[in-house]
Structure formats: C-alpha cells, structure tokens
Amino acid sequence: MSIVELSGVTKIYPGNVKALRGVDLVIEPGELTAIVGPSGSGKSTLLHLIGTLDLPSAGTVKIAGYDVGRLSDRELSALRARHLGFVFQQFHLADGVTALDNVADGLLYGGLPLQQRRERARAALDRVGLGHRVGHRPNQLSGGEQQRVAVARAVVGEPDLLLADEPTGNLDSAAGADVLGVLRDLHEAGTTIAVITHDLEVAGWAPRRVRVRDGRIVDDDDGLAGASAAKGERGE
C-alpha cells in the first residue's frame, strides 16, 4: 500500500488563487523524496495536503490508505498522530525543557506513561546521535543539535512518513549537512521521508526529486538525469 497517493488534486484559495492544478503523486514505503520548487510553486501547499493540515478543493488525498476527505477532524488528528511525523524550519522546542522531555512530549497523545515515553525518547535521541545530550535544554544546544532533537521528536512515534519542511533552512552548511546525514541514516533504517525544499543542492541529495512549478509537477526523477538537470538550473 502506498503511504501517499494524490489523484487529480487541485487547491484553490480565496480570490481564485490556484495553488495546485491537478496533481498526481505517489510515495511508496521506504522512499526518500525531495519535493522541490521556488517560492509560490505550490510545494508548501503539497506539504499541507500530505500532512492533512488542509484539504483539497478537488481530487483525492490518501494517506496510509485513508481518504482524508472522508475523515472527521478527530479522525484526521488520530491519522497524523499515528502515521505522520513533522520537522519544520523552526525547531519548535519548548524552552527550559530538556531534550529528553521535548522528544517524550511527542508521545503525549499516545497514552503512554511518562517512564515509557522517556525510554522511547532516549532511544530516538540515540538514533540522531544525541544520546549524550539528553539532559540539555535548547539554549545549551547548537542550531544543528536543536534540529536533530526536532527530528527525534518527529520519529519517536515511528510514523509511516516523516515530512521535513526546509529542515536545513535555519542552519549553516556544516550543521545542515549533519541534519541531512541523520535523515539519510533514518531512511537507510527504513523510515520513509519527504523533504520539501527550494534548495537544489538539498534536492540533489535525495534519490528521488519531484519538481513543482506553478502548481504542477513538472518533473519526477530518480536517476542521474535529475542531477544533471539540477546542475543545468544552477548554470554549472
């Protein structure tokens, strides 16, 4: 079963602003996909629809086999909690709270007791290379470390899909490379990941690149041709 299946998806905002125009997209289990496009291309709208944070104006969005248009708000919340993990450009960590509990809080809605949440949070922090920083608060961590805490929080519930929105956007190149390395390690361990980015270098790092422009998918590649196209767009 596909994790993401969009069929004929259109999104129109007030004022007849057409953000997406008949998009078809499938993401299978185990894929590492970059959805790339400039500002205004529709990639952020795609993120909101795949993340069930918004609904399409037309067409069908299925996540883990569920047609999101047929679900109640409560069912959508449960779908997100069970099947999706989110990483954003902003870290959204709670100040004054340790890395361990920032990650453990990602399991609050699962009904697990605190000790169990912390055990799973410790394991998630180990996965992103921060097992030695579990007691540190955000102001004691570098930007790259804070983003890795955010990644750990996103994967602590073992979601079917990790959605990362410009995950390196607030980081310098070295810290950004570290975060991408963590994401690749997670992917190699079996996590399905979709990265939304405007950065062609980040997109080139992913095995599959879906290019969005003017609300449409204009290219979908998983080979060397995509890397050559990216170099062409950069004028290399």
C-alpha atoms as a PDB file:
ATOM      1  CA  MET A   1       0.000   0.000   0.000  1.00  0.00           C
ATOM      2  CA  SER A   2       1.282   3.484  -0.892  1.00  0.00           C
ATOM      3  CA  ILE A   3       1.901   5.856   2.006  1.00  0.00           C
ATOM      4  CA  VAL A   4       0.887   8.891  -0.075  1.00  0.00           C
ATOM      5  CA  GLU A   5      -1.484   8.847  -3.025  1.00  0.00           C
ATOM      6  CA  LEU A   6      -2.692  12.100  -4.580  1.00  0.00           C
ATOM      7  CA  SER A   7      -5.007  11.873  -7.552  1.00  0.00           C
ATOM      8  CA  GLY A   8      -6.149  14.898  -9.572  1.00  0.00           C
ATOM      9  CA  VAL A   9      -5.541  17.205  -6.607  1.00  0.00           C
ATOM     10  CA  THR A  10      -6.418  20.872  -7.009  1.00  0.00           C
ATOM     11  CA  LYS A  11      -6.236  23.535  -4.314  1.00  0.00           C
ATOM     12  CA  ILE A  12      -7.875  26.920  -4.821  1.00  0.00           C
ATOM     13  CA  TYR A  13      -7.619  29.655  -2.193  1.00  0.00           C
ATOM     14  CA  PRO A  14      -9.945  32.677  -1.843  1.00  0.00           C
ATOM     15  CA  GLY A  15      -9.577  35.092  -4.733  1.00  0.00           C
ATOM     16  CA  ASN A  16      -9.385  32.160  -7.172  1.00  0.00           C
ATOM     17  CA  VAL A  17      -5.710  31.617  -6.379  1.00  0.00           C
ATOM     18  CA  LYS A  18      -4.858  28.192  -7.829  1.00  0.00           C
ATOM     19  CA  ALA A  19      -2.044  26.783  -5.703  1.00  0.00           C
ATOM     20  CA  LEU A  20      -2.249  23.255  -7.168  1.00  0.00           C
ATOM     21  CA  ARG A  21      -3.602  22.191 -10.536  1.00  0.00           C
ATOM     22  CA  GLY A  22      -4.468  18.523 -10.963  1.00  0.00           C
ATOM     23  CA  VAL A  23      -1.513  16.957  -9.143  1.00  0.00           C
ATOM     24  CA  ASP A  24      -0.909  13.194  -9.156  1.00  0.00           C
ATOM     25  CA  LEU A  25       1.735  11.901  -6.750  1.00  0.00           C
ATOM     26  CA  VAL A  26       2.507   8.540  -5.139  1.00  0.00           C
ATOM     27  CA  ILE A  27       5.106   7.933  -2.411  1.00  0.00           C
ATOM     28  CA  GLU A  28       5.843   4.315  -1.612  1.00  0.00           C
ATOM     29  CA  PRO A  29       7.165   2.868   1.666  1.00  0.00           C
ATOM     30  CA  GLY A  30      10.924   3.237   2.006  1.00  0.00           C
ATOM     31  CA  GLU A  31      11.339   6.169  -0.395  1.00  0.00           C
ATOM     32  CA  LEU A  32      13.421   9.292   0.247  1.00  0.00           C
ATOM     33  CA  THR A  33      11.865  12.053  -1.842  1.00  0.00           C
ATOM     34  CA  ALA A  34      12.630  15.747  -2.240  1.00  0.00           C
ATOM     35  CA  ILE A  35       9.746  17.954  -3.339  1.00  0.00           C
ATOM     36  CA  VAL A  36      11.492  20.992  -4.766  1.00  0.00           C
ATOM     37  CA  GLY A  37      10.350  24.276  -6.252  1.00  0.00           C
ATOM     38  CA  PRO A  38      10.723  28.047  -5.930  1.00  0.00           C
ATOM     39  CA  SER A  39       8.575  30.245  -3.711  1.00  0.00           C
ATOM     40  CA  GLY A  40       4.976  30.204  -4.909  1.00  0.00           C
ATOM     41  CA  SER A  41       5.360  26.927  -6.804  1.00  0.00           C
ATOM     42  CA  GLY A  42       2.842  25.024  -4.675  1.00  0.00           C
ATOM     43  CA  LYS A  43       5.273  22.836  -2.712  1.00  0.00           C
ATOM     44  CA  SER A  44       4.129  24.209   0.669  1.00  0.00           C
ATOM     45  CA  THR A  45       0.518  23.535  -0.287  1.00  0.00           C
ATOM     46  CA  LEU A  46       1.543  19.975  -1.133  1.00  0.00           C
ATOM     47  CA  LEU A  47       3.100  19.685   2.330  1.00  0.00           C
ATOM     48  CA  HIS A  48      -0.115  20.868   3.977  1.00  0.00           C
ATOM     49  CA  LEU A  49      -2.224  18.397   1.995  1.00  0.00           C
ATOM     50  CA  ILE A  50       0.102  15.423   2.530  1.00  0.00           C
ATOM     51  CA  GLY A  51       0.311  16.346   6.207  1.00  0.00           C
ATOM     52  CA  THR A  52      -3.528  16.504   6.402  1.00  0.00           C
ATOM     53  CA  LEU A  53      -3.229  20.088   7.649  1.00  0.00           C
ATOM     54  CA  ASP A  54      -5.509  21.198   4.793  1.00  0.00           C
ATOM     55  CA  LEU A  55      -7.957  19.556   2.408  1.00  0.00           C
ATOM     56  CA  PRO A  56      -8.022  19.684  -1.402  1.00  0.00           C
ATOM     57  CA  SER A  57     -10.560  21.707  -3.342  1.00  0.00           C
ATOM     58  CA  ALA A  58     -10.861  18.786  -5.755  1.00  0.00           C
ATOM     59  CA  GLY A  59      -9.285  15.377  -6.197  1.00  0.00           C
ATOM     60  CA  THR A  60      -8.329  12.733  -3.650  1.00  0.00           C
ATOM     61  CA  VAL A  61      -5.621  12.631  -0.982  1.00  0.00           C
ATOM     62  CA  LYS A  62      -4.955   9.242   0.614  1.00  0.00           C
ATOM     63  CA  ILE A  63      -2.505   8.831   3.479  1.00  0.00           C
ATOM     64  CA  ALA A  64      -1.663   5.280   4.572  1.00  0.00           C
ATOM     65  CA  GLY A  65      -4.728   4.154   2.625  1.00  0.00           C
ATOM     66  CA  TYR A  66      -7.142   6.624   4.265  1.00  0.00           C
ATOM     67  CA  ASP A  67      -9.062   9.121   2.125  1.00  0.00           C
ATOM     68  CA  VAL A  68      -8.578  12.280   4.206  1.00  0.00           C
ATOM     69  CA  GLY A  69     -11.630  13.930   2.663  1.00  0.00           C
ATOM     70  CA  ARG A  70     -13.833  11.326   4.342  1.00  0.00           C
ATOM     71  CA  LEU A  71     -12.412  11.746   7.851  1.00  0.00           C
ATOM     72  CA  SER A  72     -13.676  13.877  10.726  1.00  0.00           C
ATOM     73  CA  ASP A  73     -11.370  16.375  12.463  1.00  0.00           C
ATOM     74  CA  ARG A  74     -10.848  13.881  15.284  1.00  0.00           C
ATOM     75  CA  GLU A  75     -10.010  11.112  12.825  1.00  0.00           C
ATOM     76  CA  LEU A  76      -7.588  13.403  10.986  1.00  0.00           C
ATOM     77  CA  SER A  77      -5.822  14.211  14.264  1.00  0.00           C
ATOM     78  CA  ALA A  78      -5.536  10.493  15.018  1.00  0.00           C
ATOM     79  CA  LEU A  79      -4.180   9.851  11.500  1.00  0.00           C
ATOM     80  CA  ARG A  80      -1.495  12.500  11.948  1.00  0.00           C
ATOM     81  CA  ALA A  81      -0.532  11.193  15.386  1.00  0.00           C
ATOM     82  CA  ARG A  82      -0.237   7.609  14.205  1.00  0.00           C
ATOM     83  CA  HIS A  83       1.156   7.877  10.687  1.00  0.00           C
ATOM     84  CA  LEU A  84       2.968  11.231  10.269  1.00  0.00           C
ATOM     85  CA  GLY A  85       5.967  12.978  11.792  1.00  0.00           C
ATOM     86  CA  PHE A  86       6.816  16.629  11.118  1.00  0.00           C
ATOM     87  CA  VAL A  87      10.078  18.582  11.091  1.00  0.00           C
ATOM     88  CA  PHE A  88       9.948  22.297  10.302  1.00  0.00           C
ATOM     89  CA  GLN A  89      12.471  25.030   9.548  1.00  0.00           C
ATOM     90  CA  GLN A  90      11.794  26.440  13.021  1.00  0.00           C
ATOM     91  CA  PHE A  91      12.687  23.926  15.705  1.00  0.00           C
ATOM     92  CA  HIS A  92       9.575  24.469  17.903  1.00  0.00           C
ATOM     93  CA  LEU A  93      11.278  23.163  21.039  1.00  0.00           C
ATOM     94  CA  ALA A  94       9.988  24.103  24.488  1.00  0.00           C
ATOM     95  CA  ASP A  95      12.386  26.456  26.289  1.00  0.00           C
ATOM     96  CA  GLY A  96      13.591  25.276  29.683  1.00  0.00           C
ATOM     97  CA  VAL A  97      12.695  21.640  28.870  1.00  0.00           C
ATOM     98  CA  THR A  98      15.387  19.011  28.374  1.00  0.00           C
ATOM     99  CA  ALA A  99      15.978  17.368  25.020  1.00  0.00           C
ATOM    100  CA  LEU A 100      14.673  14.134  26.540  1.00  0.00           C
ATOM    101  CA  ASP A 101      11.337  15.625  27.537  1.00  0.00           C
ATOM    102  CA  ASN A 102      10.989  17.677  24.352  1.00  0.00           C
ATOM    103  CA  VAL A 103      11.116  14.369  22.493  1.00  0.00           C
ATOM    104  CA  ALA A 104       8.992  12.484  25.031  1.00  0.00           C
ATOM    105  CA  ASP A 105       6.285  15.123  24.632  1.00  0.00           C
ATOM    106  CA  GLY A 106       5.861  13.882  21.066  1.00  0.00           C
ATOM    107  CA  LEU A 107       4.159  10.839  22.609  1.00  0.00           C
ATOM    108  CA  LEU A 108       1.786  12.733  24.909  1.00  0.00           C
ATOM    109  CA  TYR A 109      -1.301  11.799  22.915  1.00  0.00           C
ATOM    110  CA  GLY A 110      -0.427   8.121  22.799  1.00  0.00           C
ATOM    111  CA  GLY A 111      -1.477   7.461  26.378  1.00  0.00           C
ATOM    112  CA  LEU A 112       1.918   6.046  27.424  1.00  0.00           C
ATOM    113  CA  PRO A 113       3.161   6.559  30.994  1.00  0.00           C
ATOM    114  CA  LEU A 114       5.992   9.057  31.493  1.00  0.00           C
ATOM    115  CA  GLN A 115       8.714   6.456  32.061  1.00  0.00           C
ATOM    116  CA  GLN A 116       7.849   4.670  28.830  1.00  0.00           C
ATOM    117  CA  ARG A 117       7.752   7.955  26.910  1.00  0.00           C
ATOM    118  CA  ARG A 118      11.198   8.838  28.229  1.00  0.00           C
ATOM    119  CA  GLU A 119      12.625   5.415  27.361  1.00  0.00           C
ATOM    120  CA  ARG A 120      11.433   5.773  23.787  1.00  0.00           C
ATOM    121  CA  ALA A 121      12.646   9.382  23.662  1.00  0.00           C
ATOM    122  CA  ARG A 122      16.117   8.301  24.803  1.00  0.00           C
ATOM    123  CA  ALA A 123      16.224   5.685  22.048  1.00  0.00           C
ATOM    124  CA  ALA A 124      15.133   8.284  19.447  1.00  0.00           C
ATOM    125  CA  LEU A 125      17.847  10.697  20.601  1.00  0.00           C
ATOM    126  CA  ASP A 126      20.390   7.893  20.296  1.00  0.00           C
ATOM    127  CA  ARG A 127      19.223   7.383  16.698  1.00  0.00           C
ATOM    128  CA  VAL A 128      20.045  11.005  15.821  1.00  0.00           C
ATOM    129  CA  GLY A 129      23.394  10.970  17.633  1.00  0.00           C
ATOM    130  CA  LEU A 130      22.354  12.940  20.714  1.00  0.00           C
ATOM    131  CA  GLY A 131      22.295  10.238  23.364  1.00  0.00           C
ATOM    132  CA  HIS A 132      24.927  12.260  25.268  1.00  0.00           C
ATOM    133  CA  ARG A 133      22.806  15.446  25.272  1.00  0.00           C
ATOM    134  CA  VAL A 134      19.511  14.157  26.692  1.00  0.00           C
ATOM    135  CA  GLY A 135      19.674  16.448  29.748  1.00  0.00           C
ATOM    136  CA  HIS A 136      20.496  19.624  27.815  1.00  0.00           C
ATOM    137  CA  ARG A 137      17.953  22.373  27.217  1.00  0.00           C
ATOM    138  CA  PRO A 138      17.540  24.123  23.837  1.00  0.00           C
ATOM    139  CA  ASN A 139      19.668  27.127  24.866  1.00  0.00           C
ATOM    140  CA  GLN A 140      22.504  24.700  25.628  1.00  0.00           C
ATOM    141  CA  LEU A 141      22.378  23.143  22.157  1.00  0.00           C
ATOM    142  CA  SER A 142      23.629  24.361  18.783  1.00  0.00           C
ATOM    143  CA  GLY A 143      21.168  25.009  15.968  1.00  0.00           C
ATOM    144  CA  GLY A 144      22.047  21.708  14.330  1.00  0.00           C
ATOM    145  CA  GLU A 145      21.580  19.842  17.610  1.00  0.00           C
ATOM    146  CA  GLN A 146      18.211  21.518  18.165  1.00  0.00           C
ATOM    147  CA  GLN A 147      17.075  20.397  14.728  1.00  0.00           C
ATOM    148  CA  ARG A 148      18.228  16.858  15.487  1.00  0.00           C
ATOM    149  CA  VAL A 149      16.127  16.956  18.663  1.00  0.00           C
ATOM    150  CA  ALA A 150      13.188  18.025  16.479  1.00  0.00           C
ATOM    151  CA  VAL A 151      13.876  15.087  14.152  1.00  0.00           C
ATOM    152  CA  ALA A 152      13.979  12.699  17.127  1.00  0.00           C
ATOM    153  CA  ARG A 153      10.638  14.056  18.327  1.00  0.00           C
ATOM    154  CA  ALA A 154       9.173  13.518  14.860  1.00  0.00           C
ATOM    155  CA  VAL A 155      10.272   9.877  14.648  1.00  0.00           C
ATOM    156  CA  VAL A 156       9.788   8.806  18.283  1.00  0.00           C
ATOM    157  CA  GLY A 157       6.294   7.532  17.459  1.00  0.00           C
ATOM    158  CA  GLU A 158       7.665   5.544  14.489  1.00  0.00           C
ATOM    159  CA  PRO A 159       5.467   7.235  11.870  1.00  0.00           C
ATOM    160  CA  ASP A 160       4.942   5.800   8.399  1.00  0.00           C
ATOM    161  CA  LEU A 161       6.118   9.087   6.864  1.00  0.00           C
ATOM    162  CA  LEU A 162       8.466  11.829   8.055  1.00  0.00           C
ATOM    163  CA  LEU A 163       7.687  15.206   6.458  1.00  0.00           C
ATOM    164  CA  ALA A 164      10.578  17.677   6.665  1.00  0.00           C
ATOM    165  CA  ASP A 165       9.842  21.267   5.602  1.00  0.00           C
ATOM    166  CA  GLU A 166      13.084  23.136   4.762  1.00  0.00           C
ATOM    167  CA  PRO A 167      14.876  21.230   7.559  1.00  0.00           C
ATOM    168  CA  THR A 168      18.226  22.931   6.863  1.00  0.00           C
ATOM    169  CA  GLY A 169      16.824  26.414   6.229  1.00  0.00           C
ATOM    170  CA  ASN A 170      17.970  27.876   9.570  1.00  0.00           C
ATOM    171  CA  LEU A 171      21.346  26.141   9.658  1.00  0.00           C
ATOM    172  CA  ASP A 172      24.817  26.831   8.341  1.00  0.00           C
ATOM    173  CA  SER A 173      26.171  24.451   5.719  1.00  0.00           C
ATOM    174  CA  ALA A 174      28.011  22.180   8.170  1.00  0.00           C
ATOM    175  CA  ALA A 175      25.038  21.807  10.535  1.00  0.00           C
ATOM    176  CA  GLY A 176      22.727  21.361   7.554  1.00  0.00           C
ATOM    177  CA  ALA A 177      24.901  18.547   6.224  1.00  0.00           C
ATOM    178  CA  ASP A 178      24.781  16.880   9.656  1.00  0.00           C
ATOM    179  CA  VAL A 179      20.968  17.005   9.685  1.00  0.00           C
ATOM    180  CA  LEU A 180      20.776  15.596   6.156  1.00  0.00           C
ATOM    181  CA  GLY A 181      23.113  12.825   7.270  1.00  0.00           C
ATOM    182  CA  VAL A 182      20.756  11.995  10.142  1.00  0.00           C
ATOM    183  CA  LEU A 183      17.808  11.905   7.740  1.00  0.00           C
ATOM    184  CA  ARG A 184      19.699   9.594   5.397  1.00  0.00           C
ATOM    185  CA  ASP A 185      20.573   7.281   8.291  1.00  0.00           C
ATOM    186  CA  LEU A 186      16.898   7.176   9.285  1.00  0.00           C
ATOM    187  CA  HIS A 187      15.953   6.409   5.691  1.00  0.00           C
ATOM    188  CA  GLU A 188      18.504   3.610   5.457  1.00  0.00           C
ATOM    189  CA  ALA A 189      16.999   2.183   8.651  1.00  0.00           C
ATOM    190  CA  GLY A 190      13.588   2.085   6.967  1.00  0.00           C
ATOM    191  CA  THR A 191      11.924   5.462   7.528  1.00  0.00           C
ATOM    192  CA  THR A 192      10.018   6.926   4.570  1.00  0.00           C
ATOM    193  CA  ILE A 193      10.924  10.609   4.206  1.00  0.00           C
ATOM    194  CA  ALA A 194       9.675  13.512   2.100  1.00  0.00           C
ATOM    195  CA  VAL A 195      11.728  16.725   2.233  1.00  0.00           C
ATOM    196  CA  ILE A 196      10.146  19.960   0.998  1.00  0.00           C
ATOM    197  CA  THR A 197      12.787  22.457  -0.147  1.00  0.00           C
ATOM    198  CA  HIS A 198      13.627  25.293  -2.519  1.00  0.00           C
ATOM    199  CA  ASP A 199      17.329  24.376  -2.337  1.00  0.00           C
ATOM    200  CA  LEU A 200      18.542  22.480  -5.400  1.00  0.00           C
ATOM    201  CA  GLU A 201      21.562  21.139  -3.514  1.00  0.00           C
ATOM    202  CA  VAL A 202      19.307  19.619  -0.849  1.00  0.00           C
ATOM    203  CA  ALA A 203      17.060  18.235  -3.585  1.00  0.00           C
ATOM    204  CA  GLY A 204      20.062  16.717  -5.351  1.00  0.00           C
ATOM    205  CA  TRP A 205      20.913  14.830  -2.150  1.00  0.00           C
ATOM    206  CA  ALA A 206      17.660  12.821  -2.365  1.00  0.00           C
ATOM    207  CA  PRO A 207      17.390   9.727  -4.599  1.00  0.00           C
ATOM    208  CA  ARG A 208      14.010  10.935  -5.936  1.00  0.00           C
ATOM    209  CA  ARG A 209      13.247  14.523  -6.881  1.00  0.00           C
ATOM    210  CA  VAL A 210       9.761  15.828  -7.582  1.00  0.00           C
ATOM    211  CA  ARG A 211       9.871  19.296  -9.140  1.00  0.00           C
ATOM    212  CA  VAL A 212       6.913  21.611  -8.684  1.00  0.00           C
ATOM    213  CA  ARG A 213       6.225  24.776 -10.659  1.00  0.00           C
ATOM    214  CA  ASP A 214       3.072  26.882 -10.994  1.00  0.00           C
ATOM    215  CA  GLY A 215       1.009  24.332  -9.090  1.00  0.00           C
ATOM    216  CA  ARG A 216       2.000  21.365 -11.244  1.00  0.00           C
ATOM    217  CA  ILE A 217       4.550  18.564 -11.049  1.00  0.00           C
ATOM    218  CA  VAL A 218       6.851  19.272 -13.967  1.00  0.00           C
ATOM    219  CA  ASP A 219       9.415  16.532 -13.368  1.00  0.00           C
ATOM    220  CA  ASP A 220       9.749  13.389 -11.258  1.00  0.00           C
ATOM    221  CA  ASP A 221      13.081  11.611 -11.453  1.00  0.00           C
ATOM    222  CA  ASP A 222      15.185   9.165  -9.512  1.00  0.00           C
ATOM    223  CA  GLY A 223      18.373   8.970 -11.542  1.00  0.00           C
ATOM    224  CA  LEU A 224      21.389  10.813 -12.873  1.00  0.00           C
ATOM    225  CA  ALA A 225      19.245  12.821 -15.269  1.00  0.00           C
ATOM    226  CA  GLY A 226      17.780  14.676 -12.331  1.00  0.00           C
ATOM    227  CA  ALA A 227      21.210  15.593 -11.004  1.00  0.00           C
ATOM    228  CA  SER A 228      22.209  16.862 -14.451  1.00  0.00           C
ATOM    229  CA  ALA A 229      19.051  18.936 -14.663  1.00  0.00           C
ATOM    230  CA  ALA A 230      19.761  20.467 -11.262  1.00  0.00           C
ATOM    231  CA  LYS A 231      23.268  21.427 -12.402  1.00  0.00           C
ATOM    232  CA  GLY A 232      21.787  22.979 -15.526  1.00  0.00           C
ATOM    233  CA  GLU A 233      19.399  25.090 -13.451  1.00  0.00           C
ATOM    234  CA  ARG A 234      22.356  26.279 -11.335  1.00  0.00           C
ATOM    235  CA  GLY A 235      24.281  27.143 -14.511  1.00  0.00           C
ATOM    236  CA  GLU A 236      27.011  24.588 -13.876  1.00  0.00           C
END
